[in-house]
C-alpha atoms as a PDB file:
ATOM      1  CA  MET A   1     117.571-112.224  96.946  1.00  0.00           C
ATOM      2  CA  THR A   2     117.031-110.162 100.129  1.00  0.00           C
ATOM      3  CA  SER A   3     114.954-111.796 102.870  1.00  0.00           C
ATOM      4  CA  VAL A   4     111.401-110.494 102.931  1.00  0.00           C
ATOM      5  CA  LEU A   5     111.802-109.604 106.608  1.00  0.00           C
ATOM      6  CA  GLU A   6     114.627-107.199 105.701  1.00  0.00           C
ATOM      7  CA  LEU A   7     112.741-105.349 102.878  1.00  0.00           C
ATOM      8  CA  PRO A   8     112.150-101.640 103.548  1.00  0.00           C
ATOM      9  CA  ALA A   9     108.651-100.081 103.376  1.00  0.00           C
ATOM     10  CA  CYS A  10     109.946 -97.482 100.892  1.00  0.00           C
ATOM     11  CA  VAL A  11     113.307 -96.409  99.374  1.00  0.00           C
ATOM     12  CA  THR A  12     114.366 -92.903  98.326  1.00  0.00           C
ATOM     13  CA  VAL A  13     117.194 -92.621  95.778  1.00  0.00           C
ATOM     14  CA  ARG A  14     118.976 -89.451  94.708  1.00  0.00           C
ATOM     15  CA  ALA A  15     120.235 -89.074  91.150  1.00  0.00           C
ATOM     16  CA  PRO A  16     122.319 -86.177  89.647  1.00  0.00           C
ATOM     17  CA  ALA A  17     122.026 -84.102  86.559  1.00  0.00           C
ATOM     18  CA  LYS A  18     124.752 -84.194  83.921  1.00  0.00           C
ATOM     19  CA  VAL A  19     126.673 -81.808  81.728  1.00  0.00           C
ATOM     20  CA  ASN A  20     128.379 -82.859  78.456  1.00  0.00           C
ATOM     21  CA  LEU A  21     131.967 -81.619  78.532  1.00  0.00           C
ATOM     22  CA  GLU A  22     132.295 -82.827  75.052  1.00  0.00           C
ATOM     23  CA  LEU A  23     129.818 -84.068  72.463  1.00  0.00           C
ATOM     24  CA  PHE A  24     130.832 -85.239  69.147  1.00  0.00           C
ATOM     25  CA  VAL A  25     128.225 -86.501  66.657  1.00  0.00           C
ATOM     26  CA  GLY A  26     129.017 -89.081  64.015  1.00  0.00           C
ATOM     27  CA  PRO A  27     127.070 -90.689  61.216  1.00  0.00           C
ATOM     28  CA  ALA A  28     123.484 -91.952  61.575  1.00  0.00           C
ATOM     29  CA  ARG A  29     123.160 -95.543  62.548  1.00  0.00           C
ATOM     30  CA  GLU A  30     120.739 -98.200  61.204  1.00  0.00           C
ATOM     31  CA  ASP A  31     118.544 -97.730  64.389  1.00  0.00           C
ATOM     32  CA  GLY A  32     118.056 -93.995  63.540  1.00  0.00           C
ATOM     33  CA  TYR A  33     120.410 -92.724  66.275  1.00  0.00           C
ATOM     34  CA  HIS A  34     123.589 -91.014  65.584  1.00  0.00           C
ATOM     35  CA  ALA A  35     126.942 -92.492  66.724  1.00  0.00           C
ATOM     36  CA  LEU A  36     128.183 -90.435  69.623  1.00  0.00           C
ATOM     37  CA  SER A  37     131.261 -89.719  71.614  1.00  0.00           C
ATOM     38  CA  THR A  38     130.484 -87.759  74.764  1.00  0.00           C
ATOM     39  CA  VAL A  39     132.201 -87.063  78.062  1.00  0.00           C
ATOM     40  CA  TYR A  40     129.700 -86.717  80.778  1.00  0.00           C
ATOM     41  CA  GLN A  41     130.107 -85.200  84.229  1.00  0.00           C
ATOM     42  CA  ALA A  42     127.587 -85.662  87.017  1.00  0.00           C
ATOM     43  CA  ILE A  43     126.865 -82.393  88.832  1.00  0.00           C
ATOM     44  CA  GLY A  44     125.307 -81.589  92.216  1.00  0.00           C
ATOM     45  CA  ILE A  45     121.767 -80.736  91.093  1.00  0.00           C
ATOM     46  CA  HIS A  46     119.560 -83.712  91.978  1.00  0.00           C
ATOM     47  CA  ASP A  47     116.186 -85.293  91.736  1.00  0.00           C
ATOM     48  CA  ASP A  48     115.006 -87.673  94.504  1.00  0.00           C
ATOM     49  CA  VAL A  49     112.635 -90.594  93.797  1.00  0.00           C
ATOM     50  CA  THR A  50     110.845 -92.452  96.428  1.00  0.00           C
ATOM     51  CA  ALA A  51     109.468 -95.897  95.642  1.00  0.00           C
ATOM     52  CA  THR A  52     106.597 -97.268  97.781  1.00  0.00           C
ATOM     53  CA  LEU A  53     104.655-100.526  97.410  1.00  0.00           C
ATOM     54  CA  ALA A  54     101.206 -99.707  96.177  1.00  0.00           C
ATOM     55  CA  ASP A  55      97.948-101.336  94.936  1.00  0.00           C
ATOM     56  CA  GLU A  56      98.594-100.090  91.393  1.00  0.00           C
ATOM     57  CA  TRP A  57     101.386 -98.496  89.354  1.00  0.00           C
ATOM     58  CA  GLY A  58     101.599 -94.706  89.468  1.00  0.00           C
ATOM     59  CA  CYS A  59     103.756 -91.683  90.051  1.00  0.00           C
ATOM     60  CA  SER A  60     103.494 -88.144  91.244  1.00  0.00           C
ATOM     61  CA  VAL A  61     105.837 -85.242  90.800  1.00  0.00           C
ATOM     62  CA  ARG A  62     106.705 -82.276  93.086  1.00  0.00           C
ATOM     63  CA  GLY A  63     109.223 -79.463  93.023  1.00  0.00           C
ATOM     64  CA  ARG A  64     110.766 -77.615  90.128  1.00  0.00           C
ATOM     65  CA  ASP A  65     108.841 -77.677  86.775  1.00  0.00           C
ATOM     66  CA  ALA A  66     106.594 -80.387  88.221  1.00  0.00           C
ATOM     67  CA  ASP A  67     103.601 -79.400  86.011  1.00  0.00           C
ATOM     68  CA  ARG A  68     105.810 -80.135  83.035  1.00  0.00           C
ATOM     69  CA  VAL A  69     106.511 -83.713  83.866  1.00  0.00           C
ATOM     70  CA  PRO A  70     104.103 -86.475  82.653  1.00  0.00           C
ATOM     71  CA  THR A  71     102.711 -88.833  85.257  1.00  0.00           C
ATOM     72  CA  ASP A  72     101.280 -91.422  82.833  1.00  0.00           C
ATOM     73  CA  GLU A  73     102.979 -94.405  81.367  1.00  0.00           C
ATOM     74  CA  SER A  74     105.346 -92.118  79.320  1.00  0.00           C
ATOM     75  CA  ASN A  75     107.132 -91.065  82.545  1.00  0.00           C
ATOM     76  CA  LEU A  76     110.701 -92.412  82.293  1.00  0.00           C
ATOM     77  CA  ALA A  77     110.938 -93.419  85.958  1.00  0.00           C
ATOM     78  CA  LEU A  78     107.692 -95.406  85.740  1.00  0.00           C
ATOM     79  CA  ARG A  79     108.923 -96.998  82.552  1.00  0.00           C
ATOM     80  CA  ALA A  80     112.133 -97.895  84.225  1.00  0.00           C
ATOM     81  CA  ALA A  81     110.310 -99.475  87.275  1.00  0.00           C
ATOM     82  CA  ARG A  82     108.117-101.495  84.978  1.00  0.00           C
ATOM     83  CA  ALA A  83     111.053-102.675  82.947  1.00  0.00           C
ATOM     84  CA  LEU A  84     112.831-103.865  86.065  1.00  0.00           C
ATOM     85  CA  ALA A  85     109.766-105.706  87.226  1.00  0.00           C
ATOM     86  CA  ASP A  86     109.431-107.411  83.848  1.00  0.00           C
ATOM     87  CA  HIS A  87     113.135-108.382  83.898  1.00  0.00           C
ATOM     88  CA  THR A  88     112.770-109.955  87.308  1.00  0.00           C
ATOM     89  CA  GLY A  89     109.714-111.984  86.584  1.00  0.00           C
ATOM     90  CA  GLY A  90     107.036-109.520  87.927  1.00  0.00           C
ATOM     91  CA  GLN A  91     106.909-107.636  91.131  1.00  0.00           C
ATOM     92  CA  GLU A  92     104.299-105.739  93.221  1.00  0.00           C
ATOM     93  CA  PRO A  93     103.245-102.414  91.854  1.00  0.00           C
ATOM     94  CA  VAL A  94     104.936 -99.251  93.142  1.00  0.00           C
ATOM     95  CA  HIS A  95     104.099 -95.645  93.376  1.00  0.00           C
ATOM     96  CA  LEU A  96     106.983 -93.313  92.630  1.00  0.00           C
ATOM     97  CA  THR A  97     107.131 -89.861  94.172  1.00  0.00           C
ATOM     98  CA  ILE A  98     109.560 -87.683  92.293  1.00  0.00           C
ATOM     99  CA  HIS A  99     110.954 -84.523  93.872  1.00  0.00           C
ATOM    100  CA  LYS A 100     112.590 -82.483  91.112  1.00  0.00           C
ATOM    101  CA  GLU A 101     115.416 -79.982  91.203  1.00  0.00           C
ATOM    102  CA  ILE A 102     116.839 -80.727  87.777  1.00  0.00           C
ATOM    103  CA  PRO A 103     115.297 -78.403  85.077  1.00  0.00           C
ATOM    104  CA  VAL A 104     112.914 -80.164  82.646  1.00  0.00           C
ATOM    105  CA  ALA A 105     113.760 -80.307  78.950  1.00  0.00           C
ATOM    106  CA  GLY A 106     117.037 -78.514  79.535  1.00  0.00           C
ATOM    107  CA  GLY A 107     119.657 -80.975  78.251  1.00  0.00           C
ATOM    108  CA  MET A 108     120.712 -81.973  81.744  1.00  0.00           C
ATOM    109  CA  ALA A 109     118.950 -85.464  81.692  1.00  0.00           C
ATOM    110  CA  GLY A 110     116.395 -84.919  84.407  1.00  0.00           C
ATOM    111  CA  GLY A 111     114.098 -87.587  83.094  1.00  0.00           C
ATOM    112  CA  SER A 112     117.071 -89.985  82.827  1.00  0.00           C
ATOM    113  CA  ALA A 113     118.109 -89.151  86.381  1.00  0.00           C
ATOM    114  CA  ASP A 114     114.615 -90.119  87.550  1.00  0.00           C
ATOM    115  CA  ALA A 115     114.759 -93.448  85.632  1.00  0.00           C
ATOM    116  CA  ALA A 116     118.181 -94.283  87.095  1.00  0.00           C
ATOM    117  CA  ALA A 117     116.848 -93.483  90.535  1.00  0.00           C
ATOM    118  CA  ALA A 118     113.713 -95.557  90.042  1.00  0.00           C
ATOM    119  CA  LEU A 119     115.862 -98.562  88.988  1.00  0.00           C
ATOM    120  CA  VAL A 120     117.997 -98.404  92.116  1.00  0.00           C
ATOM    121  CA  ALA A 121     115.084 -97.678  94.395  1.00  0.00           C
ATOM    122  CA  CYS A 122     112.822-100.512  93.136  1.00  0.00           C
ATOM    123  CA  ASP A 123     115.755-103.038  93.114  1.00  0.00           C
ATOM    124  CA  ALA A 124     116.256-102.268  96.792  1.00  0.00           C
ATOM    125  CA  LEU A 125     112.514-102.161  97.585  1.00  0.00           C
ATOM    126  CA  TRP A 126     111.753-105.535  95.942  1.00  0.00           C
ATOM    127  CA  GLY A 127     115.055-107.018  97.107  1.00  0.00           C
ATOM    128  CA  THR A 128     115.697-108.278  93.602  1.00  0.00           C
ATOM    129  CA  ASP A 129     119.496-107.639  93.716  1.00  0.00           C
ATOM    130  CA  VAL A 130     119.875-107.319  90.028  1.00  0.00           C
ATOM    131  CA  PRO A 131     123.586-107.548  88.985  1.00  0.00           C
ATOM    132  CA  LYS A 132     125.105-104.293  87.910  1.00  0.00           C
ATOM    133  CA  ASP A 133     125.577-105.185  84.270  1.00  0.00           C
ATOM    134  CA  GLU A 134     121.945-106.309  83.949  1.00  0.00           C
ATOM    135  CA  LEU A 135     120.764-103.063  85.585  1.00  0.00           C
ATOM    136  CA  GLU A 136     122.874-101.139  83.101  1.00  0.00           C
ATOM    137  CA  GLU A 137     121.271-103.066  80.189  1.00  0.00           C
ATOM    138  CA  ILE A 138     117.778-102.220  81.430  1.00  0.00           C
ATOM    139  CA  ALA A 139     118.864 -98.540  81.809  1.00  0.00           C
ATOM    140  CA  ALA A 140     120.072 -98.449  78.243  1.00  0.00           C
ATOM    141  CA  GLY A 141     116.777 -99.648  77.047  1.00  0.00           C
ATOM    142  CA  ILE A 142     115.120 -96.631  78.769  1.00  0.00           C
ATOM    143  CA  GLY A 143     117.372 -93.847  77.488  1.00  0.00           C
ATOM    144  CA  SER A 144     120.882 -93.082  76.290  1.00  0.00           C
ATOM    145  CA  ASP A 145     121.837 -91.091  79.391  1.00  0.00           C
ATOM    146  CA  VAL A 146     120.373 -93.424  82.019  1.00  0.00           C
ATOM    147  CA  PRO A 147     123.394 -95.772  82.333  1.00  0.00           C
ATOM    148  CA  PHE A 148     125.768 -92.890  83.049  1.00  0.00           C
ATOM    149  CA  LEU A 149     123.367 -91.537  85.814  1.00  0.00           C
ATOM    150  CA  LEU A 150     123.678 -94.939  87.552  1.00  0.00           C
ATOM    151  CA  HIS A 151     127.533 -94.382  87.487  1.00  0.00           C
ATOM    152  CA  GLY A 152     127.987 -90.719  88.114  1.00  0.00           C
ATOM    153  CA  GLY A 153     131.422 -89.147  88.216  1.00  0.00           C
ATOM    154  CA  THR A 154     133.071 -88.407  84.898  1.00  0.00           C
ATOM    155  CA  ALA A 155     132.813 -90.867  82.048  1.00  0.00           C
ATOM    156  CA  VAL A 156     132.983 -91.361  78.306  1.00  0.00           C
ATOM    157  CA  GLY A 157     129.683 -92.350  76.554  1.00  0.00           C
ATOM    158  CA  SER A 158     129.855 -94.113  73.296  1.00  0.00           C
ATOM    159  CA  GLY A 159     127.412 -95.925  70.992  1.00  0.00           C
ATOM    160  CA  ARG A 160     124.456 -93.563  71.159  1.00  0.00           C
ATOM    161  CA  GLY A 161     125.858 -92.497  74.567  1.00  0.00           C
ATOM    162  CA  GLU A 162     124.664 -95.599  76.598  1.00  0.00           C
ATOM    163  CA  VAL A 163     127.960 -97.395  76.648  1.00  0.00           C
ATOM    164  CA  VAL A 164     129.740 -95.918  79.699  1.00  0.00           C
ATOM    165  CA  THR A 165     133.437 -96.073  80.476  1.00  0.00           C
ATOM    166  CA  ALA A 166     134.841 -94.321  83.592  1.00  0.00           C
ATOM    167  CA  VAL A 167     137.455 -91.584  83.004  1.00  0.00           C
ATOM    168  CA  LEU A 168     140.497 -90.905  85.192  1.00  0.00           C
ATOM    169  CA  ALA A 169     139.665 -87.320  86.274  1.00  0.00           C
ATOM    170  CA  LYS A 170     140.873 -85.157  89.071  1.00  0.00           C
ATOM    171  CA  GLY A 171     139.635 -81.912  90.580  1.00  0.00           C
ATOM    172  CA  ARG A 172     136.455 -80.378  91.539  1.00  0.00           C
ATOM    173  CA  TYR A 173     134.783 -77.989  89.023  1.00  0.00           C
ATOM    174  CA  HIS A 174     132.381 -75.090  89.704  1.00  0.00           C
ATOM    175  CA  TRP A 175     129.485 -74.554  87.313  1.00  0.00           C
ATOM    176  CA  VAL A 176     126.744 -72.016  86.787  1.00  0.00           C
ATOM    177  CA  PHE A 177     123.782 -73.201  84.744  1.00  0.00           C
ATOM    178  CA  VAL A 178     121.287 -71.043  82.939  1.00  0.00           C
ATOM    179  CA  PRO A 179     118.523 -73.656  82.398  1.00  0.00           C
ATOM    180  CA  SER A 180     115.445 -72.259  80.776  1.00  0.00           C
ATOM    181  CA  LEU A 181     115.473 -69.791  77.843  1.00  0.00           C
ATOM    182  CA  ALA A 182     111.857 -69.167  76.960  1.00  0.00           C
ATOM    183  CA  SER A 183     111.249 -72.860  76.144  1.00  0.00           C
ATOM    184  CA  GLY A 184     113.039 -76.135  75.861  1.00  0.00           C
ATOM    185  CA  LEU A 185     114.563 -77.451  72.598  1.00  0.00           C
ATOM    186  CA  SER A 186     113.468 -80.937  71.596  1.00  0.00           C
ATOM    187  CA  THR A 187     116.390 -83.202  70.927  1.00  0.00           C
ATOM    188  CA  PRO A 188     114.840 -84.174  67.562  1.00  0.00           C
ATOM    189  CA  ARG A 189     114.684 -80.676  66.428  1.00  0.00           C
ATOM    190  CA  VAL A 190     118.335 -80.007  67.190  1.00  0.00           C
ATOM    191  CA  TYR A 191     119.461 -83.203  65.511  1.00  0.00           C
ATOM    192  CA  ALA A 192     117.345 -82.386  62.433  1.00  0.00           C
ATOM    193  CA  ALA A 193     119.081 -79.015  62.249  1.00  0.00           C
ATOM    194  CA  PHE A 194     122.496 -80.766  62.581  1.00  0.00           C
ATOM    195  CA  ASP A 195     121.586 -83.195  59.807  1.00  0.00           C
ATOM    196  CA  GLU A 196     120.520 -80.305  57.543  1.00  0.00           C
ATOM    197  CA  ARG A 197     123.731 -78.373  58.232  1.00  0.00           C
ATOM    198  CA  THR A 198     126.059 -81.425  57.638  1.00  0.00           C
ATOM    199  CA  ALA A 199     124.164 -82.873  54.731  1.00  0.00           C
ATOM    200  CA  GLY A 200     126.608 -83.826  51.981  1.00  0.00           C
ATOM    201  CA  THR A 201     129.508 -84.177  54.313  1.00  0.00           C
ATOM    202  CA  THR A 202     131.108 -87.389  55.443  1.00  0.00           C
ATOM    203  CA  LEU A 203     130.844 -87.761  59.271  1.00  0.00           C
ATOM    204  CA  GLU A 204     133.618 -89.806  60.820  1.00  0.00           C
ATOM    205  CA  GLU A 205     133.160 -92.143  63.754  1.00  0.00           C
ATOM    206  CA  PRO A 206     133.502 -89.879  66.791  1.00  0.00           C
ATOM    207  CA  GLN A 207     136.203 -90.409  69.412  1.00  0.00           C
ATOM    208  CA  PRO A 208     136.927 -88.591  72.754  1.00  0.00           C
ATOM    209  CA  SER A 209     139.657 -85.995  72.317  1.00  0.00           C
ATOM    210  CA  ALA A 210     143.099 -86.525  73.827  1.00  0.00           C
ATOM    211  CA  ALA A 211     143.172 -82.835  74.890  1.00  0.00           C
ATOM    212  CA  LEU A 212     139.997 -83.260  77.063  1.00  0.00           C
ATOM    213  CA  MET A 213     141.343 -86.439  78.636  1.00  0.00           C
ATOM    214  CA  SER A 214     144.579 -84.786  79.565  1.00  0.00           C
ATOM    215  CA  ALA A 215     142.777 -81.682  80.950  1.00  0.00           C
ATOM    216  CA  LEU A 216     140.650 -83.961  83.172  1.00  0.00           C
ATOM    217  CA  ARG A 217     143.806 -85.818  84.456  1.00  0.00           C
ATOM    218  CA  SER A 218     145.279 -82.420  85.450  1.00  0.00           C
ATOM    219  CA  GLY A 219     142.260 -81.402  87.502  1.00  0.00           C
ATOM    220  CA  ASP A 220     142.781 -77.839  86.425  1.00  0.00           C
ATOM    221  CA  ALA A 221     139.623 -75.850  85.375  1.00  0.00           C
ATOM    222  CA  SER A 222     141.664 -73.445  83.284  1.00  0.00           C
ATOM    223  CA  ALA A 223     143.020 -76.346  81.331  1.00  0.00           C
ATOM    224  CA  LEU A 224     139.541 -77.804  80.811  1.00  0.00           C
ATOM    225  CA  ALA A 225     137.937 -74.650  79.643  1.00  0.00           C
ATOM    226  CA  PRO A 226     139.455 -74.273  76.154  1.00  0.00           C
ATOM    227  CA  VAL A 227     138.784 -77.900  75.138  1.00  0.00           C
ATOM    228  CA  LEU A 228     134.994 -78.058  76.080  1.00  0.00           C
ATOM    229  CA  ASP A 229     133.208 -78.712  72.799  1.00  0.00           C
ATOM    230  CA  ASN A 230     129.743 -79.595  71.519  1.00  0.00           C
ATOM    231  CA  ASP A 231     128.900 -80.424  67.835  1.00  0.00           C
ATOM    232  CA  LEU A 232     125.246 -79.476  68.456  1.00  0.00           C
ATOM    233  CA  GLN A 233     125.934 -76.040  69.864  1.00  0.00           C
ATOM    234  CA  ALA A 234     125.713 -74.193  66.570  1.00  0.00           C
ATOM    235  CA  ASP A 235     122.353 -75.803  65.865  1.00  0.00           C
ATOM    236  CA  ALA A 236     120.867 -75.107  69.256  1.00  0.00           C
ATOM    237  CA  ILE A 237     121.946 -71.406  68.923  1.00  0.00           C
ATOM    238  CA  GLY A 238     120.455 -71.348  65.429  1.00  0.00           C
ATOM    239  CA  LEU A 239     117.142 -72.422  66.749  1.00  0.00           C
ATOM    240  CA  GLN A 240     117.210 -70.246  69.902  1.00  0.00           C
ATOM    241  CA  PRO A 241     119.617 -67.287  69.536  1.00  0.00           C
ATOM    242  CA  ALA A 242     119.205 -66.292  73.128  1.00  0.00           C
ATOM    243  CA  ILE A 243     121.607 -69.152  73.919  1.00  0.00           C
ATOM    244  CA  GLY A 244     124.356 -67.334  72.119  1.00  0.00           C
ATOM    245  CA  GLU A 245     123.644 -64.260  74.069  1.00  0.00           C
ATOM    246  CA  VAL A 246     123.972 -66.057  77.373  1.00  0.00           C
ATOM    247  CA  ILE A 247     127.272 -67.573  76.266  1.00  0.00           C
ATOM    248  CA  GLU A 248     128.604 -64.196  75.132  1.00  0.00           C
ATOM    249  CA  SER A 249     127.547 -62.474  78.300  1.00  0.00           C
ATOM    250  CA  ALA A 250     129.062 -65.177  80.539  1.00  0.00           C
ATOM    251  CA  MET A 251     132.381 -64.873  78.848  1.00  0.00           C
ATOM    252  CA  GLY A 252     132.229 -61.111  79.170  1.00  0.00           C
ATOM    253  CA  PHE A 253     131.702 -61.417  82.904  1.00  0.00           C
ATOM    254  CA  GLY A 254     134.800 -63.645  83.322  1.00  0.00           C
ATOM    255  CA  ALA A 255     133.613 -67.190  82.786  1.00  0.00           C
ATOM    256  CA  LEU A 256     136.406 -69.664  81.884  1.00  0.00           C
ATOM    257  CA  ALA A 257     134.100 -71.198  79.369  1.00  0.00           C
ATOM    258  CA  ALA A 258     130.387 -71.473  78.455  1.00  0.00           C
ATOM    259  CA  ILE A 259     128.878 -74.313  76.434  1.00  0.00           C
ATOM    260  CA  VAL A 260     125.441 -75.760  75.562  1.00  0.00           C
ATOM    261  CA  SER A 261     124.736 -78.854  77.660  1.00  0.00           C
ATOM    262  CA  GLY A 262     123.578 -81.735  75.468  1.00  0.00           C
ATOM    263  CA  SER A 263     121.106 -80.455  72.876  1.00  0.00           C
ATOM    264  CA  GLY A 264     120.243 -77.472  75.001  1.00  0.00           C
ATOM    265  CA  PRO A 265     118.855 -75.095  75.886  1.00  0.00           C
ATOM    266  CA  THR A 266     120.733 -75.057  79.148  1.00  0.00           C
ATOM    267  CA  VAL A 267     124.044 -73.202  79.151  1.00  0.00           C
ATOM    268  CA  ALA A 268     126.747 -74.597  81.331  1.00  0.00           C
ATOM    269  CA  ILE A 269     129.261 -72.027  82.436  1.00  0.00           C
ATOM    270  CA  LEU A 270     132.567 -73.013  83.967  1.00  0.00           C
ATOM    271  CA  ALA A 271     133.791 -70.713  86.671  1.00  0.00           C
ATOM    272  CA  ASP A 272     137.056 -70.010  88.222  1.00  0.00           C
ATOM    273  CA  GLY A 273     136.234 -71.383  91.781  1.00  0.00           C
ATOM    274  CA  ALA A 274     133.344 -70.974  94.065  1.00  0.00           C
ATOM    275  CA  GLU A 275     133.467 -67.185  94.451  1.00  0.00           C
ATOM    276  CA  GLY A 276     133.724 -66.884  90.646  1.00  0.00           C
ATOM    277  CA  ALA A 277     130.526 -68.948  90.319  1.00  0.00           C
ATOM    278  CA  ILE A 278     128.692 -66.689  92.703  1.00  0.00           C
ATOM    279  CA  ASP A 279     129.886 -63.592  90.865  1.00  0.00           C
ATOM    280  CA  LEU A 280     128.796 -64.928  87.485  1.00  0.00           C
ATOM    281  CA  ALA A 281     125.371 -65.907  88.781  1.00  0.00           C
ATOM    282  CA  VAL A 282     124.844 -62.459  90.246  1.00  0.00           C
ATOM    283  CA  ALA A 283     126.059 -60.678  87.088  1.00  0.00           C
ATOM    284  CA  LEU A 284     123.942 -62.768  84.669  1.00  0.00           C
ATOM    285  CA  THR A 285     120.807 -62.204  86.611  1.00  0.00           C
ATOM    286  CA  ALA A 286     121.536 -58.475  87.306  1.00  0.00           C
ATOM    287  CA  CYS A 287     122.098 -57.747  83.646  1.00  0.00           C
ATOM    288  CA  GLY A 288     118.784 -59.441  82.697  1.00  0.00           C
ATOM    289  CA  VAL A 289     120.316 -62.092  80.449  1.00  0.00           C
ATOM    290  CA  ALA A 290     119.271 -64.867  82.711  1.00  0.00           C
ATOM    291  CA  GLY A 291     116.114 -64.955  84.891  1.00  0.00           C
ATOM    292  CA  ASP A 292     117.105 -68.151  86.584  1.00  0.00           C
ATOM    293  CA  VAL A 293     120.635 -69.545  87.414  1.00  0.00           C
ATOM    294  CA  LEU A 294     121.752 -72.579  89.314  1.00  0.00           C
ATOM    295  CA  ARG A 295     125.157 -73.256  90.827  1.00  0.00           C
ATOM    296  CA  ALA A 296     126.658 -76.714  91.244  1.00  0.00           C
ATOM    297  CA  THR A 297     129.883 -78.521  91.582  1.00  0.00           C
ATOM    298  CA  GLY A 298     131.033 -81.754  89.815  1.00  0.00           C
ATOM    299  CA  PRO A 299     131.768 -84.466  89.592  1.00  0.00           C
ATOM    300  CA  VAL A 300     129.364 -86.164  92.066  1.00  0.00           C
ATOM    301  CA  GLN A 301     128.250 -89.747  92.581  1.00  0.00           C
ATOM    302  CA  GLY A 302     125.429 -91.391  90.513  1.00  0.00           C
ATOM    303  CA  ALA A 303     122.178 -92.787  91.762  1.00  0.00           C
ATOM    304  CA  HIS A 304     122.393 -93.729  95.372  1.00  0.00           C
ATOM    305  CA  ILE A 305     120.062 -94.676  98.182  1.00  0.00           C
ATOM    306  CA  LEU A 306     119.506 -91.950 100.829  1.00  0.00           C
ATOM    307  CA  PRO A 307     119.585 -93.058 104.514  1.00  0.00           C
ATOM    308  CA  THR A 308     116.376 -91.188 105.293  1.00  0.00           C
ATOM    309  CA  VAL A 309     113.235 -90.429 103.321  1.00  0.00           C
ATOM    310  CA  ARG A 310     112.709 -86.811 102.236  1.00  0.00           C
ATOM    311  CA  GLN A 311     109.717 -85.310 103.982  1.00  0.00           C
ATOM    312  CA  LEU A 312     107.138 -84.923 101.227  1.00  0.00           C
END
C-alpha cells in the first residue's frame, strides 16, 4: 500500500462516455440479463469525479443534467466507492463531487463512467493499490459498462457486457451525438420491447462480427460505417419514433452512418472527418431535428487521474 505521507488530499479522475459500434442480443440468462456481444468505443465526452476524505459518505453533482442525477445511495459512483471500501476492509468516508458532461439516461453510460472514475479516484486517495483484475471485478458488480470505462479505447464486451477484451483498432473517428429526444428511454423498457418482438424465435449466442473487426483494423471510417449494427435499434425507434427521424435526417445531410447508442435514445452519427462533423451538427440544429448536439472523437483512454483538480 502507498505510504500515508504520500496520500493526496483529493483525487480527480476523468472517465469517458461510450458508443456501441455493434450490439447483438442473445438469449436471456438465468440471472435475468441477456447474453450480449458488443463492441464499445470510448469517446471524448467526459465526466470528472473528485474524491475527498470526509466525515461522512456523500456526493454532489454539477454540470449537464445535474438535477437528474441522484445523490443518495443509489448513485453509481457512491455505490462504487463503498464497494471498494468494503473490498479493502473498510476505509475513511469520502465525498464525491461529480462534474457531468455526459448526457444522463442517453445510452452513453454516464453513470457507469462516474462509477469507473470513483473506483480509480478512491483507490488512489486511500492508497489501496487494488490489482487491476480485482478492480474490474468490483466494477462488474456495479454495472455492465463499468469495466469497459476503466479500460477505454475500443473493446469487445461479452457476458452481459462486463467481460472486456481489447480490440486491435486503428484510426480516429469523428462523431456527432444527438443525446436527448424529449425524454430518456429506460433500458428495461427497450429490452421488454425486444423480448416481445422476438418472442417465439430462437436467439443464438451472440458473437462479434468479422466485418466489424476488419473495418476497425483498417482504420477507415467509410469501411466502418456500413457494418455498425444494434439489435435494439428497432425497439428504441418503436418506443420513440423521433429517433428514426434523427437517423433519417443525418443520413440525408451526408452522414456516413447513424445508429442508436446502447438502448437509446442518443443517436450516434459517424461523420467523414472533423469538418463533416461540424457540418452535420449545424445542419441538424438548423433544421430543427436536434435541439442539442455534441461532437467528439474516439477512441480515447478510459478512467484516468487528472494532474490537477478541476476548479469547482
